[in-house]
Amino acid sequence: MSQASVKHAPMNQAYDRDKLVELFGNDPGTLAEVEREFLDTAREAALEIAATDDLTVIARAAHRLKGASGMIGAASLRQIAEAVERAAKAEDLPSVRRMHDVFRHEVKRVADQAGLAED
């Protein structure tokens, strides 16, 4: 198996921008729009998860973010979203709440890398 067949974001990066270039081309405007849309999805999911104790809603929001994170190569955020989804499906609200800070931190790392951090 060649190294080129498996692409991951470098350890210090929150997501793999090269993956976005492969999917959408190297137009800065298009890439910025995709990054903004992803962050809108991530922030919306984080707010939905924080605002409810409804585990079905939490699982759906985490699942949506898991897919979006996979698309842009945000491996750490995808893993966290997957863990939140599993906890919600297991009806383990305390675990969902314990992961919230890690979840928010990882969304912030993606935003920082994209240059779209909120003040």
Protein backbone atom coordinates (compact mmCIF):
# COMPACT_ATOMS: atom_id res chain seq x y z
CA MET A 1 0.00 0.00 0.00
CA SER A 2 1.44 3.33 -1.00
CA GLN A 3 1.57 6.34 1.29
CA ALA A 4 -0.34 8.35 -1.32
CA SER A 5 -3.38 6.07 -1.03
CA VAL A 6 -4.10 7.21 2.52
CA LYS A 7 -4.25 10.96 3.13
CA HIS A 8 -4.55 12.43 6.60
CA ALA A 9 -4.11 15.92 7.94
CA PRO A 10 -0.68 16.45 9.46
CA MET A 11 -0.73 15.96 13.22
CA ASN A 12 -0.75 19.69 14.00
CA GLN A 13 -3.55 20.51 11.54
CA ALA A 14 -7.24 20.32 12.41
CA TYR A 15 -8.19 19.32 8.85
CA ASP A 16 -6.59 18.38 5.54
CA ARG A 17 -6.89 21.40 3.25
CA ASP A 18 -5.30 19.39 0.44
CA LYS A 19 -8.38 17.16 0.53
CA LEU A 20 -10.56 20.22 -0.12
CA VAL A 21 -8.34 21.20 -3.05
CA GLU A 22 -8.72 17.68 -4.49
CA LEU A 23 -12.51 17.84 -4.13
CA PHE A 24 -13.23 21.45 -5.09
CA GLY A 25 -10.19 22.76 -6.95
CA ASN A 26 -7.71 25.41 -5.88
CA ASP A 27 -9.95 28.47 -6.19
CA PRO A 28 -9.49 30.47 -2.95
CA GLY A 29 -13.06 31.78 -3.02
CA THR A 30 -14.56 28.32 -3.42
CA LEU A 31 -12.36 26.89 -0.68
CA ALA A 32 -13.25 29.72 1.69
CA GLU A 33 -16.95 29.14 1.00
CA VAL A 34 -16.64 25.39 1.71
CA GLU A 35 -14.74 26.14 4.93
CA ARG A 36 -17.37 28.68 6.03
CA GLU A 37 -20.21 26.25 5.26
CA PHE A 38 -18.44 23.49 7.18
CA LEU A 39 -17.91 25.74 10.20
CA ASP A 40 -21.54 26.86 10.09
CA THR A 41 -22.54 23.18 10.20
CA ALA A 42 -20.08 22.45 13.02
CA ARG A 43 -21.15 25.42 15.12
CA GLU A 44 -24.83 24.67 14.54
CA ALA A 45 -24.28 21.05 15.62
CA ALA A 46 -22.39 22.18 18.74
CA LEU A 47 -25.25 24.55 19.66
CA GLU A 48 -27.89 21.87 19.03
CA ILE A 49 -26.03 19.39 21.21
CA ALA A 50 -25.55 21.91 24.02
CA ALA A 51 -29.14 23.15 23.91
CA THR A 52 -30.97 19.87 24.43
CA ASP A 53 -31.10 16.70 26.45
CA ASP A 54 -32.96 14.95 23.58
CA LEU A 55 -30.54 12.16 22.71
CA THR A 56 -32.13 11.61 19.28
CA VAL A 57 -31.48 15.26 18.35
CA ILE A 58 -27.93 14.99 19.72
CA ALA A 59 -27.23 11.78 17.76
CA ARG A 60 -28.53 13.37 14.53
CA ALA A 61 -26.44 16.53 14.98
CA ALA A 62 -23.32 14.50 15.77
CA HIS A 63 -23.93 12.21 12.78
CA ARG A 64 -24.28 15.22 10.45
CA LEU A 65 -21.02 16.64 11.76
CA LYS A 66 -19.27 13.28 11.52
CA GLY A 67 -20.03 13.15 7.79
CA ALA A 68 -19.05 16.75 7.14
CA SER A 69 -15.81 16.31 9.11
CA GLY A 70 -14.91 13.25 7.09
CA MET A 71 -15.47 15.16 3.87
CA ILE A 72 -12.94 17.88 4.73
CA GLY A 73 -10.44 15.57 6.40
CA ALA A 74 -11.02 16.80 9.97
CA ALA A 75 -10.12 13.41 11.48
CA SER A 76 -10.06 14.45 15.14
CA LEU A 77 -13.39 16.26 14.93
CA ARG A 78 -14.88 13.28 13.07
CA GLN A 79 -13.75 10.95 15.87
CA ILE A 80 -15.22 13.23 18.54
CA ALA A 81 -18.52 13.55 16.65
CA GLU A 82 -18.62 9.77 16.28
CA ALA A 83 -18.04 9.33 20.04
CA VAL A 84 -20.82 11.83 20.81
CA GLU A 85 -23.14 10.00 18.42
CA ARG A 86 -22.33 6.63 20.05
CA ALA A 87 -22.89 8.04 23.53
CA ALA A 88 -26.22 9.56 22.49
CA LYS A 89 -27.37 6.29 20.92
CA ALA A 90 -26.35 4.50 24.12
CA GLU A 91 -28.50 7.02 26.04
CA ASP A 92 -25.42 8.23 27.94
CA LEU A 93 -26.08 11.95 28.35
CA PRO A 94 -23.33 12.41 31.00
CA SER A 95 -20.72 11.22 28.47
CA VAL A 96 -22.13 13.54 25.82
CA ARG A 97 -21.80 16.45 28.25
CA ARG A 98 -18.23 15.46 29.25
CA MET A 99 -17.18 15.53 25.58
CA HIS A 100 -18.67 18.96 24.92
CA ASP A 101 -15.53 20.98 25.76
CA VAL A 102 -13.33 18.70 23.63
CA PHE A 103 -15.86 19.00 20.82
CA ARG A 104 -15.95 22.82 21.00
CA HIS A 105 -12.14 23.00 21.20
CA GLU A 106 -11.77 20.94 18.04
CA VAL A 107 -14.31 23.08 16.16
CA LYS A 108 -12.25 26.10 17.22
CA ARG A 109 -9.06 24.47 15.91
CA VAL A 110 -10.71 23.99 12.50
CA ALA A 111 -11.91 27.60 12.54
CA ASP A 112 -8.45 28.86 13.51
CA GLN A 113 -6.78 26.89 10.71
CA ALA A 114 -9.33 28.20 8.19
CA GLY A 115 -8.80 31.75 9.44
CA LEU A 116 -12.45 31.94 10.48
CA ALA A 117 -12.18 32.05 14.26
CA GLU A 118 -14.85 33.94 16.13
CA ASP A 119 -13.84 36.59 18.63
